[in-house]
Amino acid sequence: MDYAAHPVPLTPKTRSYFLKIATVTFVLALLFRLALLFTSGMLHDFQRKEMERIAISYADSGVLANPYAAPSGPTAHLSPIYPVLLGTVFRIFGIGAMGAAAKGILACIASALRCSLMVPFCILLGLSVRRTWVVAVLGIIYVAALRTEVKGDWDGPFSALALMLLVYLAIRAQRPVGHSAGFAVVCGCCCGVALLLNSSLFTVVCGFLVAGAWYFVACREYWYPGWACLVVFTIAVCLTPWTVRNYVQLHSPIWSRSNLGLEMFMSFHAGSTPTVLESEGELDRYHPTRNVNEAVRVRTMGEVAYNQSRAVEATTWMKAHPADSLRLISWRIFYFWFPPADSVFFCVLRSGLTFFAAFGFVVLYRRNQIGACIFALAAITYPLTYYLFMWSSRYRYPMEWILVLFAGIALGEMMSRVFGSIKPDFGWNPN
């Protein structure tokens, strides 16, 4: 049975078990992450990156501006939702120790919520209670990008929640209740908000829409084209205020972010490296967040013109050095799935998660093809844009929960075969 399309009714006893798992998971995950936050010394690190600088500008003046080492005016360097949220936190708690603690606690809550919300996905996939416990425990203890997970400098924990929402909507859209115009509007609004939080989710939205067209039209369900058009129209409506704001303040109708040219140049020039870990010198030399002269150049040229010039430089270099460009992209693809690390332990841990997740996908696919494909599609489409840019652990973070879910399924399968204590079925079994 395809549990994603035809969920088995929950009994009161089983519902109670899953609710307990979700509650315990949230509490333990939150306590673990708060302990990491307050014992790691990160609260005393006040090196401001682009996100915090924009948030501070918003807290002070209500304007999203000045992400670089020198004031440069209004910006679309980042998507607007998280800088506004972070700026609101700074406006309430200040930009000192209290503000740092508040944004860290907020990130920990979002990260713990992500761990807890894996339980409903286990229900949708038809996993047993015991298998769900395996997924929950793995989600609690697995922390691969520590600063992203608990410090709150970036939108990673909230982008992970947004990706969860997109996956849930994709699962629900395949049921009859998801075929209505009202649900299409809901999907469009959620997708629009997700893109205003993290524009990199655009590839996931496109992937789901294209896959839906292939699946539903192949099944001769001709309601889908009109439904998808309504979703796209609603997304466009949601993105319009941000686009208009950028046209008024930056004189360019940017619906996402303005920094593509800068990131392309940092990723494709004579000194480019596959990962951010190896590029400290290049960042100091060229990135306006660190180099005051480059920040002044942004202010003089204007943010849009600056990024356009950097994009031209990057594409020119790529055309002149196709072999080097292909090598860089190949390493970035490899590192996304098998991340590097200073410690051998963390390198094995991160790469091991990918291997276990691949095994878990195979196990799930044998029992629930549609469910497995929906999760895999999100994991495959999300990193497409990041293959072009220097690898960073925070880029992989928003979709890492899918790998944790698949890896938990794999561990549950292995335990059932080795110990025989977890039944190898995918039905709900609270015993």
Protein backbone atom coordinates (compact mmCIF):
# COMPACT_ATOMS: atom_id res chain seq x y z
CA MET A 1 0.00 0.00 0.00
CA ASP A 2 1.16 3.51 -0.79
CA TYR A 3 0.89 5.12 2.62
CA ALA A 4 1.65 8.61 1.31
CA ALA A 5 -1.40 8.46 -0.95
CA HIS A 6 -3.65 6.32 1.27
CA PRO A 7 -2.74 6.77 4.94
CA VAL A 8 -3.81 4.08 7.37
CA PRO A 9 -6.26 5.48 9.98
CA LEU A 10 -4.58 6.18 13.31
CA THR A 11 -6.06 4.54 16.38
CA PRO A 12 -6.20 6.60 19.60
CA LYS A 13 -3.47 4.41 21.09
CA THR A 14 -1.16 4.82 18.10
CA ARG A 15 -1.85 8.56 17.90
CA SER A 16 -0.87 8.85 21.55
CA TYR A 17 2.40 7.01 20.92
CA PHE A 18 3.36 9.28 18.01
CA LEU A 19 2.46 12.41 19.99
CA LYS A 20 4.72 11.25 22.81
CA ILE A 21 7.57 10.63 20.39
CA ALA A 22 7.18 14.09 18.86
CA THR A 23 7.02 15.79 22.26
CA VAL A 24 10.00 13.95 23.71
CA THR A 25 11.97 14.57 20.51
CA PHE A 26 11.33 18.32 20.66
CA VAL A 27 12.26 18.63 24.33
CA LEU A 28 15.45 16.56 24.10
CA ALA A 29 16.56 18.16 20.83
CA LEU A 30 15.99 21.64 22.28
CA LEU A 31 17.87 20.91 25.51
CA PHE A 32 20.77 19.37 23.59
CA ARG A 33 21.07 22.34 21.25
CA LEU A 34 20.74 24.91 24.03
CA ALA A 35 23.54 23.12 25.88
CA LEU A 36 25.71 23.35 22.75
CA LEU A 37 24.86 27.03 22.35
CA PHE A 38 25.69 28.08 25.90
CA THR A 39 28.79 25.92 26.35
CA SER A 40 30.51 26.45 22.98
CA GLY A 41 31.44 30.12 23.44
CA MET A 42 29.60 31.13 20.27
CA LEU A 43 27.57 33.74 22.17
CA HIS A 44 30.76 35.78 22.57
CA ASP A 45 31.53 35.78 18.84
CA PHE A 46 30.37 39.10 17.38
CA GLN A 47 31.88 38.85 13.91
CA ARG A 48 29.07 40.25 11.80
CA LYS A 49 28.26 38.59 8.48
CA GLU A 50 25.89 39.94 5.83
CA MET A 51 22.73 38.63 7.47
CA GLU A 52 23.40 40.28 10.82
CA ARG A 53 24.54 43.55 9.24
CA ILE A 54 21.32 43.83 7.27
CA ALA A 55 19.32 42.89 10.38
CA ILE A 56 21.08 45.57 12.43
CA SER A 57 20.25 48.12 9.73
CA TYR A 58 16.62 47.05 9.86
CA ALA A 59 16.60 47.27 13.67
CA ASP A 60 18.05 50.78 13.57
CA SER A 61 16.25 52.32 10.63
CA GLY A 62 13.65 49.88 9.32
CA VAL A 63 15.59 49.58 6.03
CA LEU A 64 17.26 46.44 4.68
CA ALA A 65 20.66 47.92 3.91
CA ASN A 66 24.44 47.92 4.40
CA PRO A 67 25.50 44.24 4.25
CA TYR A 68 29.17 45.04 3.53
CA ALA A 69 32.27 46.33 5.27
CA ALA A 70 31.32 49.94 4.42
CA PRO A 71 27.82 51.46 4.15
CA SER A 72 26.41 50.82 0.69
CA GLY A 73 22.73 51.69 1.00
CA PRO A 74 19.57 49.60 0.42
CA THR A 75 20.25 46.00 -0.54
CA ALA A 76 18.73 42.86 -1.98
CA HIS A 77 21.83 40.83 -1.16
CA LEU A 78 19.68 38.41 0.86
CA SER A 79 16.04 37.36 0.80
CA PRO A 80 14.03 39.60 3.14
CA ILE A 81 12.17 37.45 5.67
CA TYR A 82 14.97 36.31 7.96
CA PRO A 83 16.77 39.71 8.10
CA VAL A 84 13.45 41.25 9.13
CA LEU A 85 12.89 38.56 11.78
CA LEU A 86 16.45 38.90 13.06
CA GLY A 87 16.21 42.68 12.99
CA THR A 88 13.06 42.50 15.09
CA VAL A 89 14.93 40.37 17.63
CA PHE A 90 17.74 42.94 17.73
CA ARG A 91 15.25 45.78 18.10
CA ILE A 92 13.78 44.07 21.18
CA PHE A 93 16.90 42.61 22.81
CA GLY A 94 19.69 44.77 21.40
CA ILE A 95 22.75 43.72 19.40
CA GLY A 96 24.88 42.70 22.40
CA ALA A 97 24.87 39.58 24.55
CA MET A 98 21.08 39.55 25.06
CA GLY A 99 20.46 39.80 21.33
CA ALA A 100 22.99 37.05 20.59
CA ALA A 101 21.33 34.78 23.15
CA ALA A 102 17.85 35.54 21.80
CA LYS A 103 18.73 34.76 18.19
CA GLY A 104 20.53 31.60 19.29
CA ILE A 105 17.57 30.39 21.33
CA LEU A 106 15.27 31.11 18.39
CA ALA A 107 17.51 29.03 16.11
CA CYS A 108 17.57 26.19 18.66
CA ILE A 109 13.78 26.20 18.86
CA ALA A 110 13.50 26.04 15.06
CA SER A 111 16.08 23.23 14.91
CA ALA A 112 14.29 21.24 17.63
CA LEU A 113 10.98 21.76 15.84
CA ARG A 114 12.54 20.36 12.67
CA CYS A 115 13.57 17.23 14.60
CA SER A 116 10.07 16.87 16.06
CA LEU A 117 8.33 17.35 12.72
CA MET A 118 10.10 14.33 11.27
CA VAL A 119 7.64 12.26 13.32
CA PRO A 120 4.58 13.31 11.23
CA PHE A 121 6.54 12.42 8.11
CA CYS A 122 7.18 8.98 9.58
CA ILE A 123 3.41 8.69 9.99
CA LEU A 124 2.80 9.71 6.38
CA LEU A 125 5.31 7.11 5.22
CA GLY A 126 3.70 4.41 7.36
CA LEU A 127 6.70 3.71 9.58
CA SER A 128 6.12 1.72 12.74
CA VAL A 129 6.42 3.38 16.14
CA ARG A 130 9.74 1.69 16.81
CA ARG A 131 11.17 2.74 13.46
CA THR A 132 9.97 6.28 14.18
CA TRP A 133 11.93 6.20 17.45
CA VAL A 134 15.08 5.35 15.48
CA VAL A 135 14.52 8.35 13.18
CA ALA A 136 13.75 10.61 16.15
CA VAL A 137 16.87 9.64 18.12
CA LEU A 138 19.07 10.12 15.07
CA GLY A 139 17.52 13.54 14.47
CA ILE A 140 18.17 14.56 18.09
CA ILE A 141 21.86 13.69 18.16
CA TYR A 142 22.92 14.51 14.59
CA VAL A 143 24.33 18.04 14.37
CA ALA A 144 26.55 18.48 11.33
CA ALA A 145 26.59 22.28 10.93
CA LEU A 146 26.87 23.47 14.54
CA ARG A 147 26.97 27.22 14.03
CA THR A 148 24.14 27.14 11.50
CA GLU A 149 22.03 24.94 13.77
CA VAL A 150 22.30 26.85 17.03
CA LYS A 151 23.87 30.32 16.58
CA GLY A 152 21.14 31.92 14.48
CA ASP A 153 23.38 33.96 12.19
CA TRP A 154 21.75 32.45 9.10
CA ASP A 155 18.31 31.27 8.02
CA GLY A 156 19.24 27.55 7.84
CA PRO A 157 16.92 26.21 10.58
CA PHE A 158 13.96 28.13 9.18
CA SER A 159 14.79 27.17 5.59
CA ALA A 160 14.73 23.53 6.71
CA LEU A 161 11.22 24.09 8.10
CA ALA A 162 10.22 25.74 4.81
CA LEU A 163 11.50 22.74 2.85
CA MET A 164 9.53 20.47 5.16
CA LEU A 165 6.41 22.46 4.35
CA LEU A 166 7.04 22.15 0.60
CA VAL A 167 7.45 18.38 0.90
CA TYR A 168 4.25 18.11 2.95
CA LEU A 169 2.33 20.13 0.36
CA ALA A 170 3.66 17.87 -2.41
CA ILE A 171 2.44 14.80 -0.50
CA ARG A 172 -0.96 16.34 0.16
CA ALA A 173 -1.35 17.54 -3.45
CA GLN A 174 -1.51 13.98 -4.73
CA ARG A 175 -4.69 13.29 -2.72
CA PRO A 176 -8.14 14.34 -3.97
CA VAL A 177 -8.39 16.98 -1.23
CA GLY A 178 -5.33 18.69 -2.75
CA HIS A 179 -6.85 19.16 -6.20
CA SER A 180 -8.99 22.21 -5.34
CA ALA A 181 -8.35 25.80 -6.36
CA GLY A 182 -8.24 26.79 -2.70
CA PHE A 183 -5.41 24.37 -2.01
CA ALA A 184 -3.56 25.70 -5.07
CA VAL A 185 -3.72 29.20 -3.58
CA VAL A 186 -2.48 27.85 -0.25
CA CYS A 187 0.41 26.11 -2.02
CA GLY A 188 1.27 29.28 -3.93
CA CYS A 189 1.29 31.39 -0.76
CA CYS A 190 3.47 28.89 1.09
CA CYS A 191 5.89 28.65 -1.85
CA GLY A 192 6.04 32.43 -2.12
CA VAL A 193 6.87 32.82 1.55
CA ALA A 194 9.46 30.05 1.29
CA LEU A 195 11.16 31.83 -1.61
CA LEU A 196 11.20 35.10 0.32
CA LEU A 197 12.95 33.20 3.10
CA ASN A 198 15.43 31.33 0.90
CA SER A 199 15.41 31.83 -2.86
CA SER A 200 17.41 28.61 -3.29
CA LEU A 201 14.16 26.72 -2.69
CA PHE A 202 13.15 27.85 -6.19
CA THR A 203 14.62 24.70 -7.74
CA VAL A 204 12.55 22.55 -5.35
CA VAL A 205 9.35 24.39 -6.26
CA CYS A 206 10.13 23.99 -9.97
CA GLY A 207 11.02 20.33 -9.45
CA PHE A 208 7.72 19.56 -7.76
CA LEU A 209 5.69 21.45 -10.39
CA VAL A 210 7.45 19.71 -13.29
CA ALA A 211 7.23 16.29 -11.64
CA GLY A 212 3.55 16.90 -10.96
CA ALA A 213 2.95 17.73 -14.62
CA TRP A 214 4.68 14.53 -15.68
CA TYR A 215 2.86 12.36 -13.13
CA PHE A 216 -0.68 13.73 -13.33
CA VAL A 217 -0.80 14.29 -17.08
CA ALA A 218 0.55 10.76 -17.58
CA CYS A 219 -2.36 9.59 -15.42
CA ARG A 220 -4.73 11.67 -17.60
CA GLU A 221 -5.70 13.94 -14.75
CA TYR A 222 -6.10 17.11 -16.77
CA TRP A 223 -7.04 19.33 -13.84
CA TYR A 224 -3.32 19.73 -13.06
CA PRO A 225 -2.24 22.35 -15.68
CA GLY A 226 -4.84 24.85 -14.48
CA TRP A 227 -4.02 24.03 -10.84
CA ALA A 228 -0.30 24.56 -11.45
CA CYS A 229 -0.93 27.86 -13.26
CA LEU A 230 -2.90 29.07 -10.22
CA VAL A 231 0.01 28.08 -7.95
CA VAL A 232 2.50 29.99 -10.13
CA PHE A 233 0.21 33.04 -10.27
CA THR A 234 -0.13 33.07 -6.47
CA ILE A 235 3.66 32.78 -6.08
CA ALA A 236 4.09 35.77 -8.41
CA VAL A 237 1.61 37.79 -6.34
CA CYS A 238 3.53 36.96 -3.14
CA LEU A 239 6.84 38.01 -4.69
CA THR A 240 5.50 41.25 -6.19
CA PRO A 241 5.96 43.54 -3.13
CA TRP A 242 9.63 42.54 -2.80
CA THR A 243 10.15 42.96 -6.55
CA VAL A 244 8.54 46.41 -6.53
CA ARG A 245 10.60 47.45 -3.52
CA ASN A 246 13.80 46.46 -5.32
CA TYR A 247 12.72 48.28 -8.47
CA VAL A 248 12.07 51.46 -6.48
CA GLN A 249 15.21 51.35 -4.32
CA LEU A 250 17.69 49.53 -6.57
CA HIS A 251 16.16 50.37 -9.97
CA SER A 252 15.97 46.69 -10.89
CA PRO A 253 12.97 44.31 -10.59
CA ILE A 254 14.81 41.67 -8.53
CA TRP A 255 12.38 39.03 -7.24
CA SER A 256 14.98 37.02 -5.32
CA ARG A 257 18.50 38.27 -4.48
CA SER A 258 20.97 40.60 -6.13
CA ASN A 259 24.24 38.86 -5.27
CA LEU A 260 24.38 36.19 -7.98
CA GLY A 261 27.16 37.99 -9.86
CA LEU A 262 29.30 38.36 -6.74
CA GLU A 263 28.90 34.71 -5.77
CA MET A 264 29.65 33.60 -9.33
CA PHE A 265 32.84 35.66 -9.36
CA MET A 266 33.96 34.32 -5.97
CA SER A 267 33.37 30.80 -7.28
CA PHE A 268 34.93 31.22 -10.74
CA HIS A 269 38.13 33.24 -10.99
CA ALA A 270 41.84 32.49 -11.03
CA GLY A 271 42.05 31.90 -7.28
CA SER A 272 38.76 30.03 -6.80
CA THR A 273 38.65 26.94 -4.60
CA PRO A 274 36.01 24.21 -4.28
CA THR A 275 35.09 25.10 -0.69
CA VAL A 276 34.74 28.15 1.53
CA LEU A 277 37.15 26.46 3.96
CA GLU A 278 40.00 26.96 1.49
CA SER A 279 39.11 30.47 0.35
CA GLU A 280 39.80 32.73 3.35
CA GLY A 281 42.47 34.67 1.46
CA GLU A 282 40.26 35.14 -1.60
CA LEU A 283 37.36 36.32 0.55
CA ASP A 284 39.62 38.90 2.23
CA ARG A 285 40.84 40.03 -1.17
CA TYR A 286 37.61 40.26 -3.16
CA HIS A 287 34.46 40.02 -1.02
CA PRO A 288 32.91 43.37 -0.02
CA THR A 289 31.87 41.92 3.32
CA ARG A 290 35.56 41.76 4.28
CA ASN A 291 37.26 44.18 1.90
CA VAL A 292 36.44 47.84 2.51
CA ASN A 293 37.66 48.89 -0.94
CA GLU A 294 35.25 46.45 -2.58
CA ALA A 295 32.44 47.69 -0.36
CA VAL A 296 33.17 51.27 -1.44
CA ARG A 297 33.13 50.07 -5.04
CA VAL A 298 29.65 48.63 -4.47
CA ARG A 299 28.49 51.97 -3.10
CA THR A 300 30.03 53.88 -6.02
CA MET A 301 28.75 51.61 -8.80
CA GLY A 302 25.50 50.57 -7.18
CA GLU A 303 24.75 47.03 -5.99
CA VAL A 304 23.07 45.88 -9.20
CA ALA A 305 25.76 47.26 -11.54
CA TYR A 306 28.51 45.83 -9.32
CA ASN A 307 26.99 42.34 -9.47
CA GLN A 308 26.49 42.59 -13.21
CA SER A 309 30.16 43.44 -13.69
CA ARG A 310 31.19 40.53 -11.45
CA ALA A 311 28.94 38.17 -13.41
CA VAL A 312 30.61 39.23 -16.66
CA GLU A 313 34.05 38.60 -15.14
CA ALA A 314 32.98 35.15 -13.92
CA THR A 315 31.45 34.03 -17.23
CA THR A 316 34.45 35.35 -19.13
CA TRP A 317 36.79 33.32 -16.94
CA MET A 318 34.61 30.20 -17.27
CA LYS A 319 34.65 30.45 -21.07
CA ALA A 320 38.42 30.88 -21.04
CA HIS A 321 38.98 28.01 -18.58
CA PRO A 322 36.32 25.33 -19.24
CA ALA A 323 38.40 22.50 -17.79
CA ASP A 324 39.06 24.36 -14.53
CA SER A 325 35.40 25.35 -14.29
CA LEU A 326 34.29 21.75 -14.75
CA ARG A 327 36.79 20.61 -12.14
CA LEU A 328 35.49 23.13 -9.61
CA ILE A 329 31.87 22.15 -10.25
CA SER A 330 32.71 18.44 -9.98
CA TRP A 331 34.41 18.90 -6.62
CA ARG A 332 31.51 20.97 -5.32
CA ILE A 333 29.02 18.28 -6.31
CA PHE A 334 31.17 15.68 -4.58
CA TYR A 335 31.62 17.78 -1.44
CA PHE A 336 27.91 18.48 -1.18
CA TRP A 337 27.19 14.79 -0.71
CA PHE A 338 30.49 13.80 0.92
CA PRO A 339 31.47 16.92 2.89
CA PRO A 340 35.05 17.68 3.90
CA ALA A 341 35.96 18.39 7.51
CA ASP A 342 39.00 19.23 9.61
CA SER A 343 38.33 16.14 11.73
CA VAL A 344 38.35 12.63 10.26
CA PHE A 345 35.50 11.74 12.62
CA PHE A 346 33.21 14.46 11.25
CA CYS A 347 34.21 13.65 7.68
CA VAL A 348 33.22 10.01 8.21
CA LEU A 349 30.05 11.07 10.05
CA ARG A 350 28.84 13.37 7.28
CA SER A 351 29.75 11.01 4.45
CA GLY A 352 28.32 8.06 6.36
CA LEU A 353 24.98 9.85 6.56
CA THR A 354 24.87 10.01 2.76
CA PHE A 355 25.61 6.29 2.42
CA PHE A 356 23.01 5.32 5.01
CA ALA A 357 20.47 7.67 3.40
CA ALA A 358 20.97 5.99 0.01
CA PHE A 359 20.30 2.60 1.62
CA GLY A 360 17.25 4.01 3.42
CA PHE A 361 15.87 5.35 0.14
CA VAL A 362 16.08 1.88 -1.39
CA VAL A 363 14.30 0.35 1.63
CA LEU A 364 11.56 2.99 1.50
CA TYR A 365 11.17 2.80 -2.29
CA ARG A 366 10.40 -0.92 -2.10
CA ARG A 367 7.44 -0.21 0.17
CA ASN A 368 6.32 3.31 -0.77
CA GLN A 369 7.45 4.45 -4.19
CA ILE A 370 5.60 7.76 -4.34
CA GLY A 371 6.64 8.79 -0.83
CA ALA A 372 10.28 7.89 -1.46
CA CYS A 373 10.31 9.78 -4.77
CA ILE A 374 8.83 12.96 -3.26
CA PHE A 375 11.51 13.14 -0.56
CA ALA A 376 14.27 12.19 -3.00
CA LEU A 377 13.12 14.82 -5.49
CA ALA A 378 13.43 17.52 -2.82
CA ALA A 379 16.91 16.29 -1.89
CA ILE A 380 18.03 16.19 -5.53
CA THR A 381 16.63 19.52 -6.71
CA TYR A 382 17.55 21.64 -3.68
CA PRO A 383 21.36 21.64 -4.17
CA LEU A 384 21.33 22.31 -7.93
CA THR A 385 22.28 25.99 -7.61
CA TYR A 386 24.84 25.27 -4.89
CA TYR A 387 26.83 23.05 -7.23
CA LEU A 388 28.03 26.25 -8.87
CA PHE A 389 29.20 27.96 -5.68
CA MET A 390 31.92 27.26 -3.14
CA TRP A 391 30.80 24.50 -0.79
CA SER A 392 29.76 25.37 2.75
CA SER A 393 28.12 23.20 5.40
CA ARG A 394 25.32 25.73 5.85
CA TYR A 395 24.32 25.29 2.19
CA ARG A 396 23.56 21.61 2.73
CA TYR A 397 21.87 22.13 6.09
CA PRO A 398 18.24 22.87 4.99
CA MET A 399 17.88 19.48 3.26
CA GLU A 400 19.95 17.41 5.67
CA TRP A 401 16.85 16.32 7.59
CA ILE A 402 15.83 14.26 4.54
CA LEU A 403 19.14 12.39 4.76
CA VAL A 404 18.57 11.89 8.49
CA LEU A 405 15.09 10.49 7.78
CA PHE A 406 16.38 8.08 5.15
CA ALA A 407 19.34 7.10 7.33
CA GLY A 408 16.96 6.39 10.23
CA ILE A 409 14.94 4.10 7.99
CA ALA A 410 18.18 2.32 7.02
CA LEU A 411 19.25 1.90 10.65
CA GLY A 412 15.82 0.56 11.54
CA GLU A 413 16.05 -1.98 8.73
CA MET A 414 19.52 -3.06 9.83
CA MET A 415 18.39 -3.46 13.43
CA SER A 416 15.42 -5.55 12.35
CA ARG A 417 17.70 -7.90 10.43
CA VAL A 418 20.44 -8.13 13.06
CA PHE A 419 18.38 -8.24 16.25
CA GLY A 420 14.95 -9.14 14.98
CA SER A 421 13.49 -6.73 17.52
CA ILE A 422 11.96 -4.33 14.99
CA LYS A 423 9.48 -5.90 12.63
CA PRO A 424 10.45 -5.46 8.99
CA ASP A 425 6.98 -4.21 8.00
CA PHE A 426 6.05 -0.57 7.49
CA GLY A 427 2.70 -0.69 9.26
CA TRP A 428 1.98 1.05 12.58
CA ASN A 429 2.81 -1.27 15.45
CA PRO A 430 2.81 0.29 18.93
CA ASN A 431 3.72 -3.00 20.60
